[in-house]
Each structure stands twice: as structure tokens, then as C-alpha cells.
C-alpha atoms as a PDB file:
ATOM      1  CA  MET A   1       0.000   0.014   0.028  1.00  0.00           C
ATOM      2  CA  ALA A   2       1.340   3.441  -0.941  1.00  0.00           C
ATOM      3  CA  THR A   3       2.386   5.769   1.909  1.00  0.00           C
ATOM      4  CA  ILE A   4       1.115   9.385   1.879  1.00  0.00           C
ATOM      5  CA  ASN A   5       2.978  11.794   4.110  1.00  0.00           C
ATOM      6  CA  ASP A   6       1.168  15.171   4.240  1.00  0.00           C
ATOM      7  CA  ARG A   7       3.294  17.708   5.923  1.00  0.00           C
ATOM      8  CA  ARG A   8       0.999  20.733   5.429  1.00  0.00           C
ATOM      9  CA  ASN A   9      -0.764  22.531   8.293  1.00  0.00           C
ATOM     10  CA  ASN A  10      -3.838  23.119   6.188  1.00  0.00           C
ATOM     11  CA  VAL A  11      -4.826  20.896   3.281  1.00  0.00           C
ATOM     12  CA  GLU A  12      -7.045  23.440   1.617  1.00  0.00           C
ATOM     13  CA  THR A  13      -4.797  26.536   1.729  1.00  0.00           C
ATOM     14  CA  THR A  14      -1.089  27.651   1.434  1.00  0.00           C
ATOM     15  CA  THR A  15       0.657  30.756   1.931  1.00  0.00           C
ATOM     16  CA  ASP A  16       2.315  33.251  -0.419  1.00  0.00           C
ATOM     17  CA  ARG A  17       5.735  34.900   0.092  1.00  0.00           C
ATOM     18  CA  HIS A  18       4.034  37.600   2.146  1.00  0.00           C
ATOM     19  CA  GLY A  19       2.583  35.045   4.481  1.00  0.00           C
ATOM     20  CA  ASN A  20      -1.010  35.673   3.117  1.00  0.00           C
ATOM     21  CA  CYS A  21      -3.284  32.533   3.407  1.00  0.00           C
ATOM     22  CA  LEU A  22      -4.535  31.624  -0.136  1.00  0.00           C
ATOM     23  CA  PRO A  23      -6.369  28.678  -1.730  1.00  0.00           C
ATOM     24  CA  ILE A  24      -4.205  26.213  -3.416  1.00  0.00           C
ATOM     25  CA  TYR A  25      -3.615  26.949  -6.998  1.00  0.00           C
ATOM     26  CA  GLY A  26      -2.179  23.457  -7.730  1.00  0.00           C
ATOM     27  CA  TYR A  27       0.715  21.309  -7.157  1.00  0.00           C
ATOM     28  CA  VAL A  28       4.167  20.722  -8.711  1.00  0.00           C
ATOM     29  CA  VAL A  29       4.906  17.071  -8.549  1.00  0.00           C
ATOM     30  CA  PHE A  30       8.102  15.332  -9.131  1.00  0.00           C
ATOM     31  CA  THR A  31       9.906  12.069  -8.522  1.00  0.00           C
ATOM     32  CA  ASP A  32      12.962  12.079  -6.327  1.00  0.00           C
ATOM     33  CA  SER A  33      15.317   9.663  -8.093  1.00  0.00           C
ATOM     34  CA  CYS A  34      17.613   9.566  -5.169  1.00  0.00           C
ATOM     35  CA  LEU A  35      15.212   8.192  -2.713  1.00  0.00           C
ATOM     36  CA  ILE A  36      13.574   5.739  -5.045  1.00  0.00           C
ATOM     37  CA  GLY A  37      13.486   2.201  -3.644  1.00  0.00           C
ATOM     38  CA  TRP A  38      14.618   2.672   0.011  1.00  0.00           C
ATOM     39  CA  GLY A  39      13.145   4.318   3.178  1.00  0.00           C
ATOM     40  CA  LEU A  40       9.421   4.984   2.893  1.00  0.00           C
ATOM     41  CA  ALA A  41       9.676   4.236  -0.754  1.00  0.00           C
ATOM     42  CA  GLU A  42      11.210   0.858  -0.319  1.00  0.00           C
ATOM     43  CA  GLY A  43      10.379  -1.081  -3.547  1.00  0.00           C
ATOM     44  CA  GLY A  44       8.631   1.960  -4.965  1.00  0.00           C
ATOM     45  CA  ARG A  45       8.925   5.528  -6.130  1.00  0.00           C
ATOM     46  CA  SER A  46       9.547   8.512  -3.960  1.00  0.00           C
ATOM     47  CA  ILE A  47       7.163  11.402  -5.217  1.00  0.00           C
ATOM     48  CA  TYR A  48       6.939  15.010  -3.980  1.00  0.00           C
ATOM     49  CA  ALA A  49       3.953  17.272  -4.346  1.00  0.00           C
ATOM     50  CA  VAL A  50       4.718  20.988  -3.466  1.00  0.00           C
ATOM     51  CA  ALA A  51       1.480  23.021  -3.134  1.00  0.00           C
ATOM     52  CA  VAL A  52       1.744  26.483  -4.819  1.00  0.00           C
ATOM     53  CA  ALA A  53      -0.429  29.603  -4.394  1.00  0.00           C
ATOM     54  CA  ASN A  54      -0.128  30.959  -7.957  1.00  0.00           C
ATOM     55  CA  GLY A  55       1.385  30.699 -11.405  1.00  0.00           C
ATOM     56  CA  ASP A  56       4.680  32.502 -10.372  1.00  0.00           C
ATOM     57  CA  GLU A  57       5.271  29.981  -7.682  1.00  0.00           C
ATOM     58  CA  GLU A  58       4.449  27.192 -10.004  1.00  0.00           C
ATOM     59  CA  ILE A  59       7.219  28.544 -12.399  1.00  0.00           C
ATOM     60  CA  THR A  60       9.656  29.054  -9.709  1.00  0.00           C
ATOM     61  CA  VAL A  61       9.256  25.474  -8.255  1.00  0.00           C
ATOM     62  CA  LEU A  62       9.313  23.811 -11.702  1.00  0.00           C
ATOM     63  CA  ASN A  63      12.497  25.768 -12.510  1.00  0.00           C
ATOM     64  CA  ASN A  64      14.114  24.460  -9.326  1.00  0.00           C
ATOM     65  CA  VAL A  65      13.036  20.911 -10.126  1.00  0.00           C
ATOM     66  CA  LYS A  66      14.932  21.298 -13.452  1.00  0.00           C
ATOM     67  CA  ASP A  67      17.991  22.484 -11.718  1.00  0.00           C
ATOM     68  CA  ARG A  68      18.281  19.368  -9.672  1.00  0.00           C
ATOM     69  CA  THR A  69      19.615  16.270 -11.462  1.00  0.00           C
ATOM     70  CA  ASP A  70      18.089  13.992  -8.814  1.00  0.00           C
ATOM     71  CA  MET A  71      14.551  15.239  -9.484  1.00  0.00           C
ATOM     72  CA  LYS A  72      12.649  13.911 -12.484  1.00  0.00           C
ATOM     73  CA  ARG A  73       9.275  14.276 -14.281  1.00  0.00           C
ATOM     74  CA  GLY A  74       8.407  17.659 -12.853  1.00  0.00           C
ATOM     75  CA  ARG A  75       4.926  18.737 -13.765  1.00  0.00           C
ATOM     76  CA  PHE A  76       1.991  20.881 -12.657  1.00  0.00           C
ATOM     77  CA  VAL A  77      -1.331  19.366 -11.578  1.00  0.00           C
ATOM     78  CA  THR A  78      -4.406  21.121 -10.249  1.00  0.00           C
ATOM     79  CA  ASP A  79      -5.498  18.023  -8.217  1.00  0.00           C
ATOM     80  CA  LEU A  80      -3.544  15.205  -6.504  1.00  0.00           C
ATOM     81  CA  LYS A  81      -6.278  12.734  -7.542  1.00  0.00           C
ATOM     82  CA  GLY A  82      -4.657  12.299 -10.810  1.00  0.00           C
ATOM     83  CA  ILE A  83      -1.489  10.889  -9.383  1.00  0.00           C
ATOM     84  CA  ARG A  84      -1.450   7.110  -9.703  1.00  0.00           C
ATOM     85  CA  LEU A  85       0.469   5.562  -6.777  1.00  0.00           C
ATOM     86  CA  GLY A  86       1.865   2.066  -6.781  1.00  0.00           C
ATOM     87  CA  LYS A  87       1.648  -0.114  -3.799  1.00  0.00           C
ATOM     88  CA  ASN A  88       5.149   0.761  -2.568  1.00  0.00           C
ATOM     89  CA  ASP A  89       5.300   4.477  -3.643  1.00  0.00           C
ATOM     90  CA  HIS A  90       5.771   7.167  -1.056  1.00  0.00           C
ATOM     91  CA  LEU A  91       3.953  10.636  -1.749  1.00  0.00           C
ATOM     92  CA  ARG A  92       5.179  13.522   0.224  1.00  0.00           C
ATOM     93  CA  ILE A  93       3.016  16.557   0.110  1.00  0.00           C
ATOM     94  CA  THR A  94       4.359  19.760   1.397  1.00  0.00           C
ATOM     95  CA  ASP A  95       4.070  23.659   1.041  1.00  0.00           C
ATOM     96  CA  ARG A  96       6.090  26.951   1.359  1.00  0.00           C
ATOM     97  CA  ALA A  97       5.946  26.520   5.166  1.00  0.00           C
ATOM     98  CA  GLY A  98       7.381  22.902   5.020  1.00  0.00           C
ATOM     99  CA  ALA A  99       9.927  23.410   2.274  1.00  0.00           C
ATOM    100  CA  PRO A 100      10.693  27.208   1.717  1.00  0.00           C
ATOM    101  CA  ARG A 101      13.774  26.746  -0.404  1.00  0.00           C
ATOM    102  CA  TRP A 102      11.803  25.446  -3.407  1.00  0.00           C
ATOM    103  CA  PHE A 103      10.195  28.887  -3.606  1.00  0.00           C
ATOM    104  CA  VAL A 104      13.425  30.770  -4.067  1.00  0.00           C
ATOM    105  CA  CYS A 105      14.446  31.368  -7.648  1.00  0.00           C
ATOM    106  CA  GLY A 106      17.679  29.512  -8.395  1.00  0.00           C
ATOM    107  CA  ALA A 107      18.010  27.963  -4.976  1.00  0.00           C
ATOM    108  CA  PHE A 108      19.613  24.728  -6.209  1.00  0.00           C
ATOM    109  CA  ARG A 109      21.866  26.133  -8.961  1.00  0.00           C
ATOM    110  CA  GLU A 110      25.546  25.210  -8.313  1.00  0.00           C
END
């Protein structure tokens, strides 16, 4: 059975860079190739979903995913229901509060 680890404080809202509470615009979803097959994803995939508040945040997070060689298949979805999880997959859901570095332009460039 897939493991879902939701680290958000509120599943219906997220915060923007000013700390304003906003409805979730969507999610940037990607696979962490470094964690595939072990830990909570033993025998499956390690999938991240980062909740974003608007299109600008979507672009920033997607660009940061592209800057990381260990992150694969970055894409935007409006709803998590479309993500098909295998029996050993691990889905981690987070937002700006749980993973602020994803929201900084160029945060992972070397």
C-alpha cells in the first residue's frame, strides 16, 4: 500500500511569500530519483507534491526541479487525485512552510 505523508498545516490553503493565506492553485509534482527504492519508498517511487499559491510560484518550483539532477518528471497538476500511486510508492505533500527553499529562484543552482 502506498504511503502518503502530508506535511501541510492546512490541506485547503497555502501561504504566499508575504505570509497571506490563499487557496491552493495547484501542485508541482516530481519524482526524487535519489530516494527511489528505499526508506518509505522501499520497492517503489519517492514522489513529492509541492502546493503552490499562484502561477509565479509554479514556475519557480518547476525551474528549481529542473536545476536538480536527482528530481525527475516535474509537472503541474491542479488536483492530486490524478497521481497514480503504486503499492510501494511514497508521496510527500508539502508547501512553502514545509519546504521554503523550493520557492527561492535558483535555490539549487551550483
